[in-house]
């Protein structure tokens, strides 16, 4: 930076509970080298209580607990030109008023996608080998003969529902594992899936053929409850359903009914429609359901990757270079 040049004013606003995970000391030090990071850091409630806090802010850094970028906030932030969001979806924080002003928006969904893809790919390989079924049988029989429930993964058909940021990464991780990959995604084509070694099919065929089905569709009005009783009943004997996307994509009443009637099936659910499920939900009691508390995404120290992505994008912005993770308004309709 040239001596005397004014540094870009940046303000960090997000919930305090996860702030240190997303923006650890080394990431904050990097941001301090790039721009003028204003203190103190604020929560959305503290920002709302201080109408002058964004008076000189040009770039707003956010994460979980971000404020909504609406007309009221923009009126108090006359210089704001970019929002860099160190979390996933920006759909519920960025309004038309922000797009109309021309505010540039960045999402760290790409950094959050990696741990989800990592966990999901591991679950898929274990499920393709029949590990969940063998685990249940071992617990019941307490004999090594329970290993008969397991099978080799080579040649197993795996179905990926949607090939967005996470679905594509899962497909990439499964390359060379010996499984055959199907994918159902209305926005995918042979050109967009080049190099992934996947076969594009419709949703019905994917469920009929797959030993493992992994859901990666965003929750939209068009996808709510899209996986219902018909699809679930069509799963092959011994199949496993994995959901690390959104609980609402599944019709949970139908899932409970089908899994109750078919103990050969397994559901690995990291997300549910209500989190956690109600205390009286049958999901807690079904032997062929394994629940995890929404841990596929970035947790603990992994969240620093999102802060690092935002710091890198801030450097691009300050240096007048293209943003690598810019969100386009037209893409929001297909985002969670």
Protein backbone atom coordinates (compact mmCIF):
# COMPACT_ATOMS: atom_id res chain seq x y z
CA UNK A 1 0.00 0.00 0.00
CA UNK A 2 1.23 3.47 -0.86
CA UNK A 3 2.10 5.70 2.16
CA UNK A 4 -0.87 7.84 3.11
CA UNK A 5 -3.36 5.66 1.19
CA UNK A 6 -6.63 5.14 3.04
CA UNK A 7 -7.17 1.55 4.08
CA UNK A 8 -10.49 -0.20 3.43
CA UNK A 9 -12.73 -0.05 6.51
CA UNK A 10 -14.01 -3.48 7.53
CA UNK A 11 -16.43 -4.49 10.30
CA UNK A 12 -17.06 -8.00 11.67
CA UNK A 13 -20.62 -8.80 12.78
CA UNK A 14 -21.67 -12.32 13.79
CA UNK A 15 -22.66 -14.35 16.84
CA UNK A 16 -20.05 -14.42 19.56
CA UNK A 17 -20.31 -18.16 20.27
CA UNK A 18 -18.65 -19.26 17.03
CA UNK A 19 -16.64 -16.14 16.26
CA UNK A 20 -13.29 -17.45 17.52
CA UNK A 21 -13.68 -20.69 15.57
CA UNK A 22 -14.39 -18.92 12.28
CA UNK A 23 -11.96 -16.06 12.82
CA UNK A 24 -9.09 -17.36 14.99
CA UNK A 25 -6.21 -15.05 15.86
CA UNK A 26 -4.13 -15.92 12.78
CA UNK A 27 -7.03 -15.16 10.42
CA UNK A 28 -7.74 -11.86 12.16
CA UNK A 29 -4.05 -10.96 11.90
CA UNK A 30 -4.20 -11.64 8.16
CA UNK A 31 -7.28 -9.43 7.80
CA UNK A 32 -5.55 -6.67 9.80
CA UNK A 33 -2.70 -6.74 7.26
CA UNK A 34 -5.15 -6.39 4.38
CA UNK A 35 -7.52 -3.74 5.69
CA UNK A 36 -8.58 -1.65 8.67
CA UNK A 37 -10.59 -4.13 10.76
CA UNK A 38 -12.63 -2.03 13.14
CA UNK A 39 -13.07 -2.94 16.80
CA UNK A 40 -15.01 -3.94 18.77
CA UNK A 41 -16.51 -6.86 16.91
CA UNK A 42 -20.29 -6.87 17.14
CA UNK A 43 -23.26 -9.20 17.24
CA UNK A 44 -26.35 -8.42 15.18
CA UNK A 45 -28.12 -7.20 18.33
CA UNK A 46 -25.24 -4.90 19.25
CA UNK A 47 -25.16 -3.57 15.68
CA UNK A 48 -28.90 -2.82 15.82
CA UNK A 49 -28.35 -0.87 19.04
CA UNK A 50 -25.63 1.33 17.50
CA UNK A 51 -26.97 3.19 14.44
CA UNK A 52 -23.55 4.71 13.67
CA UNK A 53 -21.47 1.50 13.78
CA UNK A 54 -21.46 1.06 9.98
CA UNK A 55 -21.11 4.74 9.09
CA UNK A 56 -17.64 4.28 7.56
CA UNK A 57 -17.77 0.54 6.83
CA UNK A 58 -17.02 -0.49 3.25
CA UNK A 59 -16.87 -4.26 3.73
CA UNK A 60 -18.98 -6.24 6.18
CA UNK A 61 -17.66 -9.61 7.37
CA UNK A 62 -20.37 -11.93 8.67
CA UNK A 63 -20.98 -15.51 9.74
CA UNK A 64 -23.56 -17.34 11.83
CA UNK A 65 -25.92 -14.81 13.38
CA UNK A 66 -25.40 -12.30 10.56
CA UNK A 67 -27.63 -9.24 10.30
CA UNK A 68 -30.08 -8.97 7.42
CA UNK A 69 -28.76 -6.66 4.71
CA UNK A 70 -31.97 -4.72 4.15
CA UNK A 71 -32.91 -1.11 3.46
CA UNK A 72 -32.66 -0.17 7.12
CA UNK A 73 -29.11 -1.49 7.48
CA UNK A 74 -28.01 -0.03 4.15
CA UNK A 75 -29.31 3.41 5.17
CA UNK A 76 -26.90 3.25 8.13
CA UNK A 77 -24.05 1.98 5.95
CA UNK A 78 -23.73 4.50 3.11
CA UNK A 79 -20.26 3.27 2.05
CA UNK A 80 -20.98 -0.47 2.16
CA UNK A 81 -19.94 -2.19 -1.07
CA UNK A 82 -19.39 -5.82 -0.12
CA UNK A 83 -20.62 -8.49 2.30
CA UNK A 84 -18.27 -11.42 2.82
CA UNK A 85 -20.17 -14.20 4.60
CA UNK A 86 -18.03 -16.76 6.46
CA UNK A 87 -20.77 -19.40 6.46
CA UNK A 88 -22.97 -21.13 3.88
CA UNK A 89 -26.16 -19.79 2.36
CA UNK A 90 -26.71 -16.03 2.04
CA UNK A 91 -30.28 -16.46 0.90
CA UNK A 92 -31.83 -15.37 4.17
CA UNK A 93 -29.58 -12.39 4.90
CA UNK A 94 -29.24 -10.62 1.53
CA UNK A 95 -32.30 -8.73 0.30
CA UNK A 96 -33.22 -7.11 -3.00
CA UNK A 97 -32.11 -3.79 -1.55
CA UNK A 98 -28.53 -5.05 -1.37
CA UNK A 99 -28.55 -6.30 -4.95
CA UNK A 100 -30.11 -3.03 -6.14
CA UNK A 101 -27.30 -1.05 -4.55
CA UNK A 102 -24.77 -3.32 -6.26
CA UNK A 103 -23.31 -4.75 -3.07
CA UNK A 104 -20.98 -7.63 -3.88
CA UNK A 105 -21.70 -10.78 -1.90
CA UNK A 106 -19.38 -13.68 -1.13
CA UNK A 107 -20.32 -16.98 0.50
CA UNK A 108 -17.90 -19.41 2.14
CA UNK A 109 -20.14 -22.34 1.21
CA UNK A 110 -17.24 -23.83 -0.72
CA UNK A 111 -15.16 -24.12 2.45
CA UNK A 112 -18.12 -25.57 4.35
CA UNK A 113 -18.69 -28.11 1.57
CA UNK A 114 -15.39 -29.89 2.11
CA UNK A 115 -16.07 -31.39 5.57
CA UNK A 116 -19.58 -32.38 4.46
CA UNK A 117 -18.17 -34.15 1.40
CA UNK A 118 -15.49 -35.80 3.51
CA UNK A 119 -17.94 -37.24 6.03
CA UNK A 120 -20.50 -38.22 3.39
CA UNK A 121 -17.99 -40.03 1.20
CA UNK A 122 -16.78 -41.98 4.24
CA UNK A 123 -20.37 -42.93 5.12
CA UNK A 124 -21.04 -44.00 1.55
CA UNK A 125 -18.06 -46.34 1.45
CA UNK A 126 -19.00 -47.88 4.81
CA UNK A 127 -22.64 -48.26 3.72
CA UNK A 128 -21.64 -49.75 0.36
CA UNK A 129 -19.68 -52.36 2.30
CA UNK A 130 -22.70 -53.14 4.44
CA UNK A 131 -21.13 -51.94 7.68
CA UNK A 132 -24.30 -50.45 9.26
CA UNK A 133 -26.25 -53.70 8.73
CA UNK A 134 -23.34 -55.78 10.02
CA UNK A 135 -23.10 -53.54 13.09
CA UNK A 136 -26.78 -54.11 13.93
CA UNK A 137 -26.53 -57.85 13.36
CA UNK A 138 -23.37 -58.09 15.49
CA UNK A 139 -25.13 -56.31 18.36
CA UNK A 140 -28.06 -58.74 18.11
CA UNK A 141 -26.14 -62.02 17.56
CA UNK A 142 -22.84 -61.23 19.29
CA UNK A 143 -21.16 -63.66 16.90
CA UNK A 144 -18.57 -63.07 14.16
CA UNK A 145 -20.99 -64.68 11.75
CA UNK A 146 -22.64 -61.26 11.68
CA UNK A 147 -19.91 -60.30 9.21
CA UNK A 148 -22.01 -62.04 6.56
CA UNK A 149 -24.13 -58.89 6.44
CA UNK A 150 -21.16 -56.98 5.04
CA UNK A 151 -20.14 -56.98 1.39
CA UNK A 152 -17.40 -55.53 -0.74
CA UNK A 153 -17.98 -52.05 -2.10
CA UNK A 154 -16.58 -52.82 -5.55
CA UNK A 155 -19.33 -52.56 -8.14
CA UNK A 156 -21.87 -51.19 -5.65
CA UNK A 157 -24.19 -48.59 -7.19
CA UNK A 158 -24.22 -45.24 -5.37
CA UNK A 159 -26.83 -42.61 -6.19
CA UNK A 160 -26.18 -38.90 -5.59
CA UNK A 161 -29.28 -36.70 -5.51
CA UNK A 162 -28.01 -33.35 -6.84
CA UNK A 163 -24.56 -32.41 -8.08
CA UNK A 164 -24.05 -29.01 -6.54
CA UNK A 165 -20.97 -27.92 -4.62
CA UNK A 166 -21.15 -30.86 -2.19
CA UNK A 167 -22.47 -33.51 -4.54
CA UNK A 168 -19.65 -32.89 -6.99
CA UNK A 169 -17.04 -33.10 -4.24
CA UNK A 170 -18.51 -36.39 -3.05
CA UNK A 171 -18.37 -37.76 -6.58
CA UNK A 172 -14.74 -36.66 -6.87
CA UNK A 173 -13.84 -38.37 -3.58
CA UNK A 174 -15.45 -41.62 -4.72
CA UNK A 175 -13.39 -41.81 -7.90
CA UNK A 176 -11.21 -44.92 -7.77
CA UNK A 177 -13.18 -46.48 -4.89
CA UNK A 178 -14.71 -49.14 -7.13
CA UNK A 179 -18.31 -47.95 -6.78
CA UNK A 180 -20.51 -47.00 -9.73
CA UNK A 181 -22.03 -43.55 -9.40
CA UNK A 182 -25.47 -42.46 -10.57
CA UNK A 183 -26.65 -38.87 -10.24
CA UNK A 184 -30.03 -37.17 -10.54
CA UNK A 185 -29.89 -33.42 -11.06
CA UNK A 186 -32.12 -31.43 -13.46
CA UNK A 187 -29.37 -28.84 -13.91
CA UNK A 188 -26.58 -31.31 -14.72
CA UNK A 189 -25.52 -32.37 -18.20
CA UNK A 190 -22.85 -34.52 -19.81
CA UNK A 191 -20.78 -31.36 -20.22
CA UNK A 192 -21.06 -30.24 -16.59
CA UNK A 193 -20.25 -33.72 -15.28
CA UNK A 194 -17.23 -34.29 -17.51
CA UNK A 195 -14.45 -35.96 -15.54
CA UNK A 196 -16.73 -37.15 -12.74
CA UNK A 197 -17.48 -40.61 -14.19
CA UNK A 198 -21.15 -40.46 -13.24
CA UNK A 199 -24.23 -41.71 -15.07
CA UNK A 200 -27.09 -39.21 -15.16
CA UNK A 201 -30.51 -40.77 -14.54
CA UNK A 202 -33.90 -39.63 -13.27
CA UNK A 203 -34.75 -39.80 -9.58
CA UNK A 204 -36.93 -42.90 -9.87
CA UNK A 205 -34.23 -44.91 -11.62
CA UNK A 206 -31.61 -43.74 -9.14
CA UNK A 207 -33.63 -45.06 -6.17
CA UNK A 208 -34.45 -48.35 -7.91
CA UNK A 209 -30.81 -49.13 -8.70
CA UNK A 210 -28.75 -47.74 -5.83
CA UNK A 211 -27.36 -49.69 -2.87
CA UNK A 212 -26.59 -46.31 -1.31
CA UNK A 213 -28.49 -43.07 -1.91
CA UNK A 214 -26.99 -39.80 -0.65
CA UNK A 215 -29.07 -36.62 -0.62
CA UNK A 216 -27.48 -33.29 -1.55
CA UNK A 217 -30.45 -31.28 -2.81
CA UNK A 218 -31.13 -27.82 -1.33
CA UNK A 219 -34.37 -27.31 0.54
CA UNK A 220 -36.59 -25.28 -1.76
CA UNK A 221 -40.36 -25.22 -2.32
CA UNK A 222 -39.79 -27.59 -5.23
CA UNK A 223 -37.73 -30.07 -3.18
CA UNK A 224 -39.62 -30.10 0.14
CA UNK A 225 -40.67 -33.70 0.83
CA UNK A 226 -39.44 -34.79 -2.60
CA UNK A 227 -38.18 -38.11 -1.23
CA UNK A 228 -41.44 -39.78 -0.30
CA UNK A 229 -42.93 -43.21 0.22
CA UNK A 230 -42.82 -44.32 -3.41
CA UNK A 231 -39.12 -43.62 -3.82
CA UNK A 232 -38.25 -45.11 -0.44
CA UNK A 233 -40.16 -48.34 -1.08
CA UNK A 234 -38.37 -48.72 -4.41
CA UNK A 235 -34.95 -48.99 -2.76
CA UNK A 236 -33.23 -52.36 -3.30
CA UNK A 237 -32.98 -54.87 -0.46
CA UNK A 238 -30.31 -53.81 2.05
CA UNK A 239 -29.99 -50.26 0.74
CA UNK A 240 -28.83 -47.28 2.81
CA UNK A 241 -30.16 -43.72 2.62
CA UNK A 242 -27.82 -40.92 3.75
CA UNK A 243 -28.98 -37.36 4.39
CA UNK A 244 -26.43 -34.63 5.08
CA UNK A 245 -28.43 -32.02 3.13
CA UNK A 246 -31.64 -30.74 4.73
CA UNK A 247 -34.16 -32.71 6.75
CA UNK A 248 -37.11 -31.22 4.89
CA UNK A 249 -36.07 -32.87 1.63
CA UNK A 250 -37.32 -36.15 3.16
CA UNK A 251 -40.94 -36.95 3.96
CA UNK A 252 -40.15 -38.14 7.50
CA UNK A 253 -43.55 -39.73 8.11
CA UNK A 254 -43.06 -41.82 4.98
CA UNK A 255 -39.49 -42.63 6.02
CA UNK A 256 -40.65 -43.94 9.40
CA UNK A 257 -43.37 -46.03 7.76
CA UNK A 258 -41.06 -47.59 5.19
CA UNK A 259 -38.19 -48.26 7.61
CA UNK A 260 -40.61 -49.80 10.10
CA UNK A 261 -41.89 -52.16 7.43
CA UNK A 262 -38.44 -52.87 5.95
CA UNK A 263 -35.76 -53.57 8.56
CA UNK A 264 -33.37 -54.41 5.73
CA UNK A 265 -33.05 -50.69 4.95
CA UNK A 266 -30.82 -48.24 6.82
CA UNK A 267 -31.06 -44.46 7.17
CA UNK A 268 -28.06 -42.38 8.27
CA UNK A 269 -29.49 -38.97 9.13
CA UNK A 270 -27.26 -36.05 10.05
CA UNK A 271 -30.17 -33.66 9.52
CA UNK A 272 -33.87 -33.90 10.33
CA UNK A 273 -36.87 -31.70 9.66
CA UNK A 274 -36.87 -30.63 13.30
CA UNK A 275 -33.49 -30.49 15.02
CA UNK A 276 -33.32 -32.32 17.27
CA UNK A 277 -36.34 -34.52 16.53
CA UNK A 278 -39.07 -34.36 19.14
CA UNK A 279 -38.51 -36.62 22.15
CA UNK A 280 -41.36 -38.88 21.02
CA UNK A 281 -40.16 -39.14 17.40
CA UNK A 282 -39.94 -42.75 16.16
CA UNK A 283 -36.59 -41.86 14.60
CA UNK A 284 -34.97 -42.24 18.03
CA UNK A 285 -36.24 -45.79 18.44
CA UNK A 286 -35.90 -47.41 15.03
CA UNK A 287 -32.95 -49.82 15.01
CA UNK A 288 -32.25 -49.10 11.35
CA UNK A 289 -31.90 -45.33 11.84
CA UNK A 290 -28.63 -43.72 12.95
CA UNK A 291 -28.91 -40.08 13.98
CA UNK A 292 -26.03 -37.64 14.28
CA UNK A 293 -26.48 -34.05 15.55
CA UNK A 294 -25.82 -32.08 12.34
CA UNK A 295 -22.05 -32.61 12.47
CA UNK A 296 -21.28 -33.06 8.77
CA UNK A 297 -20.66 -29.36 8.22
CA UNK A 298 -17.83 -27.29 9.62
CA UNK A 299 -17.41 -27.75 13.36
CA UNK A 300 -14.81 -26.49 15.81
CA UNK A 301 -11.43 -25.83 14.25
CA UNK A 302 -12.71 -26.75 10.77
CA UNK A 303 -14.67 -23.49 10.73
CA UNK A 304 -11.43 -21.52 10.34
CA UNK A 305 -11.40 -22.55 6.68
CA UNK A 306 -14.40 -20.26 6.13
CA UNK A 307 -12.64 -17.35 7.77
CA UNK A 308 -9.58 -18.02 5.62
CA UNK A 309 -11.72 -18.01 2.48
CA UNK A 310 -13.24 -14.67 3.47
CA UNK A 311 -9.79 -13.20 4.20
CA UNK A 312 -8.58 -14.33 0.77
CA UNK A 313 -11.63 -12.76 -0.88
CA UNK A 314 -11.06 -9.53 1.04
CA UNK A 315 -7.54 -9.42 -0.38
CA UNK A 316 -8.96 -9.90 -3.89
CA UNK A 317 -11.46 -7.10 -3.34
CA UNK A 318 -8.95 -4.64 -1.90
CA UNK A 319 -6.56 -5.31 -4.79
CA UNK A 320 -9.28 -4.87 -7.40
CA UNK A 321 -9.17 -8.52 -8.48
CA UNK A 322 -12.15 -10.79 -9.33
CA UNK A 323 -13.89 -12.48 -6.43
CA UNK A 324 -13.65 -16.27 -6.64
CA UNK A 325 -16.70 -17.02 -4.50
CA UNK A 326 -19.04 -14.24 -5.56
CA UNK A 327 -22.75 -15.04 -5.30
CA UNK A 328 -24.84 -14.12 -8.32
CA UNK A 329 -28.43 -13.02 -7.60
CA UNK A 330 -29.73 -15.31 -10.36
CA UNK A 331 -28.24 -18.36 -8.63
CA UNK A 332 -30.15 -17.84 -5.38
CA UNK A 333 -33.25 -19.65 -6.65
CA UNK A 334 -31.26 -22.91 -6.76
CA UNK A 335 -29.54 -22.39 -3.41
CA UNK A 336 -30.61 -23.55 0.04
